[in-house]
């Protein structure tokens, strides 16, 4: 091999080694990003599970409030009827 051929091979070999280095760095950064996303994804999954539990708890509270409203309405009607009966009974005896 003559000196010109060797001089041409040096830059080509350098570019090949640079490409290999870049591929390795690309893979390393890709793994690092995937690991970072995996931690965030598991954190998001935990947050979603916690929020679902809260929504279920709030649905239960809402159901109980509706039931209590019905009971209060019933009690108000019973008390109003009793008061109405008392007023009518008192009015009839006062005559």
PDB file of N, CA and C in Angstrom:
ATOM      1  N   UNK A   1       0.836  -1.177   0.000  1.00  0.00           N
ATOM      2  CA  UNK A   1       0.000   0.000   0.000  1.00  0.00           C
ATOM      3  C   UNK A   1       0.877   1.235   0.000  1.00  0.00           C
ATOM      4  N   UNK A   2       0.451   2.188  -0.750  1.00  0.00           N
ATOM      5  CA  UNK A   2       1.233   3.409  -0.794  1.00  0.00           C
ATOM      6  C   UNK A   2       0.711   4.415   0.229  1.00  0.00           C
ATOM      7  N   UNK A   3       1.375   5.499   0.406  1.00  0.00           N
ATOM      8  CA  UNK A   3       1.072   6.491   1.417  1.00  0.00           C
ATOM      9  C   UNK A   3      -0.274   7.164   1.142  1.00  0.00           C
ATOM     10  N   UNK A   4      -0.643   7.364  -0.119  1.00  0.00           N
ATOM     11  CA  UNK A   4      -1.930   7.980  -0.456  1.00  0.00           C
ATOM     12  C   UNK A   4      -3.106   7.095  -0.041  1.00  0.00           C
ATOM     13  N   UNK A   5      -2.985   5.804  -0.196  1.00  0.00           N
ATOM     14  CA  UNK A   5      -4.064   4.891   0.170  1.00  0.00           C
ATOM     15  C   UNK A   5      -4.247   4.888   1.684  1.00  0.00           C
ATOM     16  N   UNK A   6      -3.133   4.900   2.425  1.00  0.00           N
ATOM     17  CA  UNK A   6      -3.209   4.927   3.883  1.00  0.00           C
ATOM     18  C   UNK A   6      -3.804   6.257   4.348  1.00  0.00           C
ATOM     19  N   UNK A   7      -3.410   7.326   3.697  1.00  0.00           N
ATOM     20  CA  UNK A   7      -3.935   8.642   4.050  1.00  0.00           C
ATOM     21  C   UNK A   7      -5.442   8.710   3.806  1.00  0.00           C
ATOM     22  N   UNK A   8      -5.948   7.971   2.826  1.00  0.00           N
ATOM     23  CA  UNK A   8      -7.380   7.959   2.555  1.00  0.00           C
ATOM     24  C   UNK A   8      -8.122   7.068   3.564  1.00  0.00           C
ATOM     25  N   UNK A   9      -7.461   6.015   4.045  1.00  0.00           N
ATOM     26  CA  UNK A   9      -8.107   5.100   4.975  1.00  0.00           C
ATOM     27  C   UNK A   9      -8.261   5.698   6.370  1.00  0.00           C
ATOM     28  N   UNK A  10      -7.374   6.591   6.761  1.00  0.00           N
ATOM     29  CA  UNK A  10      -7.427   7.168   8.116  1.00  0.00           C
ATOM     30  C   UNK A  10      -8.735   7.930   8.336  1.00  0.00           C
ATOM     31  N   UNK A  11      -9.157   8.843   7.471  1.00  0.00           N
ATOM     32  CA  UNK A  11     -10.426   9.526   7.707  1.00  0.00           C
ATOM     33  C   UNK A  11     -11.632   8.576   7.642  1.00  0.00           C
ATOM     34  N   UNK A  12     -11.556   7.603   6.730  1.00  0.00           N
ATOM     35  CA  UNK A  12     -12.666   6.658   6.614  1.00  0.00           C
ATOM     36  C   UNK A  12     -12.777   5.827   7.896  1.00  0.00           C
ATOM     37  N   UNK A  13     -11.660   5.357   8.427  1.00  0.00           N
ATOM     38  CA  UNK A  13     -11.669   4.589   9.672  1.00  0.00           C
ATOM     39  C   UNK A  13     -12.154   5.465  10.829  1.00  0.00           C
ATOM     40  N   UNK A  14     -11.741   6.704  10.847  1.00  0.00           N
ATOM     41  CA  UNK A  14     -12.190   7.626  11.881  1.00  0.00           C
ATOM     42  C   UNK A  14     -13.699   7.840  11.835  1.00  0.00           C
ATOM     43  N   UNK A  15     -14.236   7.992  10.624  1.00  0.00           N
ATOM     44  CA  UNK A  15     -15.690   8.159  10.493  1.00  0.00           C
ATOM     45  C   UNK A  15     -16.420   6.891  10.921  1.00  0.00           C
ATOM     46  N   UNK A  16     -15.871   5.726  10.606  1.00  0.00           N
ATOM     47  CA  UNK A  16     -16.492   4.461  11.016  1.00  0.00           C
ATOM     48  C   UNK A  16     -16.505   4.325  12.529  1.00  0.00           C
ATOM     49  N   UNK A  17     -15.379   4.632  13.176  1.00  0.00           N
ATOM     50  CA  UNK A  17     -15.319   4.576  14.636  1.00  0.00           C
ATOM     51  C   UNK A  17     -16.251   5.617  15.262  1.00  0.00           C
ATOM     52  N   UNK A  18     -16.338   6.789  14.663  1.00  0.00           N
ATOM     53  CA  UNK A  18     -17.257   7.817  15.149  1.00  0.00           C
ATOM     54  C   UNK A  18     -18.705   7.355  15.043  1.00  0.00           C
ATOM     55  N   UNK A  19     -19.042   6.681  13.925  1.00  0.00           N
ATOM     56  CA  UNK A  19     -20.398   6.170  13.755  1.00  0.00           C
ATOM     57  C   UNK A  19     -20.700   5.109  14.809  1.00  0.00           C
ATOM     58  N   UNK A  20     -19.742   4.215  15.087  1.00  0.00           N
ATOM     59  CA  UNK A  20     -19.943   3.214  16.123  1.00  0.00           C
ATOM     60  C   UNK A  20     -20.143   3.865  17.492  1.00  0.00           C
ATOM     61  N   UNK A  21     -19.369   4.887  17.768  1.00  0.00           N
ATOM     62  CA  UNK A  21     -19.513   5.602  19.038  1.00  0.00           C
ATOM     63  C   UNK A  21     -20.891   6.244  19.131  1.00  0.00           C
ATOM     64  N   UNK A  22     -21.342   6.873  18.068  1.00  0.00           N
ATOM     65  CA  UNK A  22     -22.650   7.526  18.073  1.00  0.00           C
ATOM     66  C   UNK A  22     -23.791   6.510  18.240  1.00  0.00           C
ATOM     67  N   UNK A  23     -23.665   5.339  17.617  1.00  0.00           N
ATOM     68  CA  UNK A  23     -24.693   4.305  17.774  1.00  0.00           C
ATOM     69  C   UNK A  23     -24.752   3.861  19.242  1.00  0.00           C
ATOM     70  N   UNK A  24     -23.583   3.655  19.852  1.00  0.00           N
ATOM     71  CA  UNK A  24     -23.542   3.271  21.265  1.00  0.00           C
ATOM     72  C   UNK A  24     -24.130   4.352  22.163  1.00  0.00           C
ATOM     73  N   UNK A  25     -23.793   5.607  21.878  1.00  0.00           N
ATOM     74  CA  UNK A  25     -24.324   6.715  22.670  1.00  0.00           C
ATOM     75  C   UNK A  25     -25.832   6.831  22.476  1.00  0.00           C
ATOM     76  N   UNK A  26     -26.298   6.609  21.257  1.00  0.00           N
ATOM     77  CA  UNK A  26     -27.731   6.664  20.976  1.00  0.00           C
ATOM     78  C   UNK A  26     -28.475   5.593  21.778  1.00  0.00           C
ATOM     79  N   UNK A  27     -27.926   4.375  21.796  1.00  0.00           N
ATOM     80  CA  UNK A  27     -28.559   3.295  22.555  1.00  0.00           C
ATOM     81  C   UNK A  27     -28.562   3.604  24.046  1.00  0.00           C
ATOM     82  N   UNK A  28     -27.460   4.140  24.544  1.00  0.00           N
ATOM     83  CA  UNK A  28     -27.367   4.468  25.959  1.00  0.00           C
ATOM     84  C   UNK A  28     -28.394   5.537  26.344  1.00  0.00           C
ATOM     85  N   UNK A  29     -28.503   6.583  25.539  1.00  0.00           N
ATOM     86  CA  UNK A  29     -29.479   7.639  25.810  1.00  0.00           C
ATOM     87  C   UNK A  29     -30.902   7.093  25.698  1.00  0.00           C
ATOM     88  N   UNK A  30     -31.142   6.230  24.732  1.00  0.00           N
ATOM     89  CA  UNK A  30     -32.465   5.621  24.583  1.00  0.00           C
ATOM     90  C   UNK A  30     -32.848   4.807  25.805  1.00  0.00           C
ATOM     91  N   UNK A  31     -31.916   4.011  26.327  1.00  0.00           N
ATOM     92  CA  UNK A  31     -32.200   3.240  27.547  1.00  0.00           C
ATOM     93  C   UNK A  31     -32.468   4.166  28.724  1.00  0.00           C
ATOM     94  N   UNK A  32     -31.678   5.219  28.814  1.00  0.00           N
ATOM     95  CA  UNK A  32     -31.847   6.165  29.919  1.00  0.00           C
ATOM     96  C   UNK A  32     -33.225   6.831  29.854  1.00  0.00           C
ATOM     97  N   UNK A  33     -33.646   7.221  28.647  1.00  0.00           N
ATOM     98  CA  UNK A  33     -34.961   7.849  28.487  1.00  0.00           C
ATOM     99  C   UNK A  33     -36.081   6.858  28.781  1.00  0.00           C
ATOM    100  N   UNK A  34     -35.937   5.608  28.318  1.00  0.00           N
ATOM    101  CA  UNK A  34     -36.954   4.595  28.597  1.00  0.00           C
ATOM    102  C   UNK A  34     -37.071   4.334  30.093  1.00  0.00           C
ATOM    103  N   UNK A  35     -35.960   4.283  30.774  1.00  0.00           N
ATOM    104  CA  UNK A  35     -35.984   4.076  32.221  1.00  0.00           C
ATOM    105  C   UNK A  35     -36.677   5.246  32.902  1.00  0.00           C
ATOM    106  N   UNK A  36     -36.414   6.460  32.461  1.00  0.00           N
ATOM    107  CA  UNK A  36     -37.058   7.641  33.024  1.00  0.00           C
ATOM    108  C   UNK A  36     -38.551   7.644  32.757  1.00  0.00           C
ATOM    109  N   UNK A  37     -38.945   7.256  31.565  1.00  0.00           N
ATOM    110  CA  UNK A  37     -40.369   7.191  31.239  1.00  0.00           C
ATOM    111  C   UNK A  37     -41.052   6.074  31.998  1.00  0.00           C
ATOM    112  N   UNK A  38     -40.358   4.971  32.202  1.00  0.00           N
ATOM    113  CA  UNK A  38     -40.936   3.859  32.945  1.00  0.00           C
ATOM    114  C   UNK A  38     -41.255   4.256  34.362  1.00  0.00           C
ATOM    115  N   UNK A  39     -40.393   5.018  35.011  1.00  0.00           N
ATOM    116  CA  UNK A  39     -40.664   5.495  36.366  1.00  0.00           C
ATOM    117  C   UNK A  39     -41.843   6.444  36.382  1.00  0.00           C
ATOM    118  N   UNK A  40     -41.902   7.305  35.390  1.00  0.00           N
ATOM    119  CA  UNK A  40     -43.017   8.243  35.320  1.00  0.00           C
ATOM    120  C   UNK A  40     -44.314   7.506  35.020  1.00  0.00           C
ATOM    121  N   UNK A  41     -44.243   6.490  34.180  1.00  0.00           N
ATOM    122  CA  UNK A  41     -45.450   5.736  33.830  1.00  0.00           C
ATOM    123  C   UNK A  41     -45.983   4.989  35.044  1.00  0.00           C
ATOM    124  N   UNK A  42     -45.090   4.404  35.837  1.00  0.00           N
ATOM    125  CA  UNK A  42     -45.575   3.693  37.023  1.00  0.00           C
ATOM    126  C   UNK A  42     -46.133   4.688  38.033  1.00  0.00           C
ATOM    127  N   UNK A  43     -45.531   5.866  38.127  1.00  0.00           N
ATOM    128  CA  UNK A  43     -46.068   6.901  39.004  1.00  0.00           C
ATOM    129  C   UNK A  43     -47.442   7.358  38.546  1.00  0.00           C
ATOM    130  N   UNK A  44     -47.613   7.468  37.232  1.00  0.00           N
ATOM    131  CA  UNK A  44     -48.918   7.854  36.691  1.00  0.00           C
ATOM    132  C   UNK A  44     -49.951   6.769  36.938  1.00  0.00           C
ATOM    133  N   UNK A  45     -49.549   5.520  36.811  1.00  0.00           N
ATOM    134  CA  UNK A  45     -50.487   4.418  37.053  1.00  0.00           C
ATOM    135  C   UNK A  45     -50.941   4.428  38.510  1.00  0.00           C
ATOM    136  N   UNK A  46     -50.009   4.684  39.420  1.00  0.00           N
ATOM    137  CA  UNK A  46     -50.372   4.759  40.837  1.00  0.00           C
ATOM    138  C   UNK A  46     -51.319   5.933  41.087  1.00  0.00           C
ATOM    139  N   UNK A  47     -51.058   7.058  40.447  1.00  0.00           N
ATOM    140  CA  UNK A  47     -51.910   8.243  40.609  1.00  0.00           C
ATOM    141  C   UNK A  47     -53.309   7.973  40.069  1.00  0.00           C
ATOM    142  N   UNK A  48     -53.399   7.305  38.918  1.00  0.00           N
ATOM    143  CA  UNK A  48     -54.705   6.979  38.334  1.00  0.00           C
ATOM    144  C   UNK A  48     -55.465   6.039  39.258  1.00  0.00           C
ATOM    145  N   UNK A  49     -54.776   5.048  39.828  1.00  0.00           N
ATOM    146  CA  UNK A  49     -55.436   4.115  40.748  1.00  0.00           C
ATOM    147  C   UNK A  49     -55.950   4.858  41.978  1.00  0.00           C
ATOM    148  N   UNK A  50     -55.141   5.778  42.506  1.00  0.00           N
ATOM    149  CA  UNK A  50     -55.560   6.548  43.675  1.00  0.00           C
ATOM    150  C   UNK A  50     -56.767   7.423  43.349  1.00  0.00           C
ATOM    151  N   UNK A  51     -56.759   8.051  42.181  1.00  0.00           N
ATOM    152  CA  UNK A  51     -57.879   8.898  41.776  1.00  0.00           C
ATOM    153  C   UNK A  51     -59.150   8.074  41.560  1.00  0.00           C
ATOM    154  N   UNK A  52     -59.003   6.863  41.031  1.00  0.00           N
ATOM    155  CA  UNK A  52     -60.177   5.997  40.870  1.00  0.00           C
ATOM    156  C   UNK A  52     -60.780   5.660  42.224  1.00  0.00           C
ATOM    157  N   UNK A  53     -59.923   5.377  43.204  1.00  0.00           N
ATOM    158  CA  UNK A  53     -60.422   5.083  44.547  1.00  0.00           C
ATOM    159  C   UNK A  53     -61.161   6.287  45.121  1.00  0.00           C
ATOM    160  N   UNK A  54     -60.620   7.477  44.898  1.00  0.00           N
ATOM    161  CA  UNK A  54     -61.281   8.688  45.389  1.00  0.00           C
ATOM    162  C   UNK A  54     -62.630   8.902  44.713  1.00  0.00           C
ATOM    163  N   UNK A  55     -62.700   8.644  43.418  1.00  0.00           N
ATOM    164  CA  UNK A  55     -63.963   8.802  42.694  1.00  0.00           C
ATOM    165  C   UNK A  55     -64.989   7.812  43.232  1.00  0.00           C
ATOM    166  N   UNK A  56     -64.571   6.571  43.490  1.00  0.00           N
ATOM    167  CA  UNK A  56     -65.489   5.585  44.048  1.00  0.00           C
ATOM    168  C   UNK A  56     -65.975   6.023  45.427  1.00  0.00           C
ATOM    169  N   UNK A  57     -65.056   6.550  46.243  1.00  0.00           N
ATOM    170  CA  UNK A  57     -65.438   7.018  47.575  1.00  0.00           C
ATOM    171  C   UNK A  57     -66.421   8.187  47.465  1.00  0.00           C
ATOM    172  N   UNK A  58     -66.173   9.099  46.540  1.00  0.00           N
ATOM    173  CA  UNK A  58     -67.086  10.236  46.357  1.00  0.00           C
ATOM    174  C   UNK A  58     -68.437   9.779  45.841  1.00  0.00           C
ATOM    175  N   UNK A  59     -68.458   8.771  44.998  1.00  0.00           N
ATOM    176  CA  UNK A  59     -69.733   8.235  44.523  1.00  0.00           C
ATOM    177  C   UNK A  59     -70.517   7.653  45.688  1.00  0.00           C
ATOM    178  N   UNK A  60     -69.837   6.965  46.588  1.00  0.00           N
ATOM    179  CA  UNK A  60     -70.498   6.412  47.769  1.00  0.00           C
ATOM    180  C   UNK A  60     -71.034   7.536  48.655  1.00  0.00           C
ATOM    181  N   UNK A  61     -70.250   8.598  48.838  1.00  0.00           N
ATOM    182  CA  UNK A  61     -70.710   9.738  49.637  1.00  0.00           C
ATOM    183  C   UNK A  61     -71.926  10.373  48.976  1.00  0.00           C
ATOM    184  N   UNK A  62     -71.905  10.522  47.666  1.00  0.00           N
ATOM    185  CA  UNK A  62     -73.032  11.102  46.941  1.00  0.00           C
ATOM    186  C   UNK A  62     -74.289  10.256  47.131  1.00  0.00           C
ATOM    187  N   UNK A  63     -74.155   8.934  47.057  1.00  0.00           N
ATOM    188  CA  UNK A  63     -75.292   8.040  47.257  1.00  0.00           C
ATOM    189  C   UNK A  63     -75.862   8.214  48.658  1.00  0.00           C
ATOM    190  N   UNK A  64     -74.970   8.314  49.651  1.00  0.00           N
ATOM    191  CA  UNK A  64     -75.431   8.468  51.032  1.00  0.00           C
ATOM    192  C   UNK A  64     -76.119   9.813  51.247  1.00  0.00           C
ATOM    193  N   UNK A  65     -75.608  10.876  50.621  1.00  0.00           N
ATOM    194  CA  UNK A  65     -76.235  12.195  50.755  1.00  0.00           C
ATOM    195  C   UNK A  65     -77.636  12.169  50.152  1.00  0.00           C
ATOM    196  N   UNK A  66     -77.789  11.530  48.993  1.00  0.00           N
ATOM    197  CA  UNK A  66     -79.116  11.427  48.373  1.00  0.00           C
ATOM    198  C   UNK A  66     -80.079  10.665  49.286  1.00  0.00           C
ATOM    199  N   UNK A  67     -79.595   9.603  49.897  1.00  0.00           N
ATOM    200  CA  UNK A  67     -80.436   8.829  50.813  1.00  0.00           C
ATOM    201  C   UNK A  67     -80.835   9.678  52.022  1.00  0.00           C
ATOM    202  N   UNK A  68     -79.890  10.453  52.555  1.00  0.00           N
ATOM    203  CA  UNK A  68     -80.203  11.322  53.693  1.00  0.00           C
ATOM    204  C   UNK A  68     -81.198  12.413  53.308  1.00  0.00           C
ATOM    205  N   UNK A  69     -81.068  12.952  52.103  1.00  0.00           N
ATOM    206  CA  UNK A  69     -82.034  13.955  51.632  1.00  0.00           C
ATOM    207  C   UNK A  69     -83.443  13.372  51.582  1.00  0.00           C
ATOM    208  N   UNK A  70     -83.556  12.135  51.110  1.00  0.00           N
ATOM    209  CA  UNK A  70     -84.873  11.492  51.066  1.00  0.00           C
ATOM    210  C   UNK A  70     -85.432  11.320  52.476  1.00  0.00           C
ATOM    211  N   UNK A  71     -84.585  10.927  53.411  1.00  0.00           N
ATOM    212  CA  UNK A  71     -85.038  10.747  54.788  1.00  0.00           C
ATOM    213  C   UNK A  71     -85.482  12.068  55.410  1.00  0.00           C
ATOM    214  N   UNK A  72     -84.736  13.142  55.142  1.00  0.00           N
ATOM    215  CA  UNK A  72     -85.103  14.457  55.678  1.00  0.00           C
ATOM    216  C   UNK A  72     -86.432  14.899  55.077  1.00  0.00           C
ATOM    217  N   UNK A  73     -86.594  14.710  53.767  1.00  0.00           N
ATOM    218  CA  UNK A  73     -87.874  15.066  53.122  1.00  0.00           C
ATOM    219  C   UNK A  73     -89.029  14.303  53.758  1.00  0.00           C
ATOM    220  N   UNK A  74     -88.830  13.005  53.993  1.00  0.00           N
ATOM    221  CA  UNK A  74     -89.877  12.192  54.615  1.00  0.00           C
ATOM    222  C   UNK A  74     -90.192  12.707  56.020  1.00  0.00           C
ATOM    223  N   UNK A  75     -89.133  12.992  56.806  1.00  0.00           N
ATOM    224  CA  UNK A  75     -89.347  13.495  58.169  1.00  0.00           C
ATOM    225  C   UNK A  75     -90.077  14.834  58.151  1.00  0.00           C
ATOM    226  N   UNK A  76     -89.734  15.712  57.204  1.00  0.00           N
ATOM    227  CA  UNK A  76     -90.417  17.007  57.095  1.00  0.00           C
ATOM    228  C   UNK A  76     -91.892  16.815  56.766  1.00  0.00           C
ATOM    229  N   UNK A  77     -92.195  15.876  55.861  1.00  0.00           N
ATOM    230  CA  UNK A  77     -93.601  15.626  55.520  1.00  0.00           C
ATOM    231  C   UNK A  77     -94.365  15.074  56.723  1.00  0.00           C
ATOM    232  N   UNK A  78     -93.748  14.158  57.470  1.00  0.00           N
ATOM    233  CA  UNK A  78     -94.403  13.587  58.649  1.00  0.00           C
ATOM    234  C   UNK A  78     -94.653  14.674  59.682  1.00  0.00           C
ATOM    235  N   UNK A  79     -93.652  15.529  59.931  1.00  0.00           N
ATOM    236  CA  UNK A  79     -93.822  16.610  60.905  1.00  0.00           C
ATOM    237  C   UNK A  79     -94.878  17.613  60.447  1.00  0.00           C
ATOM    238  N   UNK A  80     -94.869  17.936  59.162  1.00  0.00           N
ATOM    239  CA  UNK A  80     -95.869  18.873  58.644  1.00  0.00           C
ATOM    240  C   UNK A  80     -97.267  18.283  58.771  1.00  0.00           C
ATOM    241  N   UNK A  81     -97.418  17.002  58.499  1.00  0.00           N
ATOM    242  CA  UNK A  81     -98.725  16.350  58.629  1.00  0.00           C
ATOM    243  C   UNK A  81     -99.166  16.337  60.092  1.00  0.00           C
ATOM    244  N   UNK A  82     -98.234  16.053  61.011  1.00  0.00           N
ATOM    245  CA  UNK A  82     -98.575  16.042  62.436  1.00  0.00           C
ATOM    246  C   UNK A  82     -98.995  17.435  62.893  1.00  0.00           C
ATOM    247  N   UNK A  83     -98.276  18.452  62.423  1.00  0.00           N
ATOM    248  CA  UNK A  83     -98.625  19.827  62.803  1.00  0.00           C
ATOM    249  C   UNK A  83     -99.992  20.197  62.218  1.00  0.00           C
ATOM    250  N   UNK A  84    -100.236  19.806  60.997  1.00  0.00           N
ATOM    251  CA  UNK A  84    -101.525  20.070  60.364  1.00  0.00           C
ATOM    252  C   UNK A  84    -102.658  19.384  61.147  1.00  0.00           C
ATOM    253  N   UNK A  85    -102.426  18.148  61.553  1.00  0.00           N
ATOM    254  CA  UNK A  85    -103.440  17.416  62.329  1.00  0.00           C
ATOM    255  C   UNK A  85    -103.677  18.073  63.676  1.00  0.00           C
ATOM    256  N   UNK A  86    -102.607  18.555  64.318  1.00  0.00           N
ATOM    257  CA  UNK A  86    -102.750  19.242  65.604  1.00  0.00           C
ATOM    258  C   UNK A  86    -103.544  20.528  65.454  1.00  0.00           C
ATOM    259  N   UNK A  87    -103.251  21.274  64.407  1.00  0.00           N
ATOM    260  CA  UNK A  87    -103.966  22.540  64.179  1.00  0.00           C
ATOM    261  C   UNK A  87    -105.440  22.280  63.894  1.00  0.00           C
ATOM    262  N   UNK A  88    -105.720  21.279  63.091  1.00  0.00           N
ATOM    263  CA  UNK A  88    -107.131  20.940  62.800  1.00  0.00           C
ATOM    264  C   UNK A  88    -107.847  20.443  64.049  1.00  0.00           C
ATOM    265  N   UNK A  89    -107.199  19.650  64.846  1.00  0.00           N
ATOM    266  CA  UNK A  89    -107.820  19.130  66.058  1.00  0.00           C
ATOM    267  C   UNK A  89    -108.046  20.266  67.045  1.00  0.00           C
ATOM    268  N   UNK A  90    -107.119  21.189  67.148  1.00  0.00           N
ATOM    269  CA  UNK A  90    -107.268  22.322  68.050  1.00  0.00           C
ATOM    270  C   UNK A  90    -108.335  23.281  67.574  1.00  0.00           C
ATOM    271  N   UNK A  91    -108.468  23.439  66.281  1.00  0.00           N
ATOM    272  CA  UNK A  91    -109.473  24.327  65.724  1.00  0.00           C
ATOM    273  C   UNK A  91    -110.866  23.806  65.931  1.00  0.00           C
ATOM    274  N   UNK A  92    -111.047  22.486  65.875  1.00  0.00           N
ATOM    275  CA  UNK A  92    -112.367  21.894  66.044  1.00  0.00           C
ATOM    276  C   UNK A  92    -112.815  21.958  67.508  1.00  0.00           C
ATOM    277  N   UNK A  93    -111.858  21.799  68.439  1.00  0.00           N
ATOM    278  CA  UNK A  93    -112.233  21.841  69.843  1.00  0.00           C
ATOM    279  C   UNK A  93    -112.467  23.271  70.301  1.00  0.00           C
ATOM    280  N   UNK A  94    -111.906  24.255  69.609  1.00  0.00           N
ATOM    281  CA  UNK A  94    -112.079  25.653  70.012  1.00  0.00           C
ATOM    282  C   UNK A  94    -113.416  26.216  69.603  1.00  0.00           C
ATOM    283  N   UNK A  95    -114.155  25.555  68.792  1.00  0.00           N
ATOM    284  CA  UNK A  95    -115.420  26.085  68.287  1.00  0.00           C
ATOM    285  C   UNK A  95    -116.499  25.907  69.244  1.00  0.00           C
TER     286      UNK A  95
END
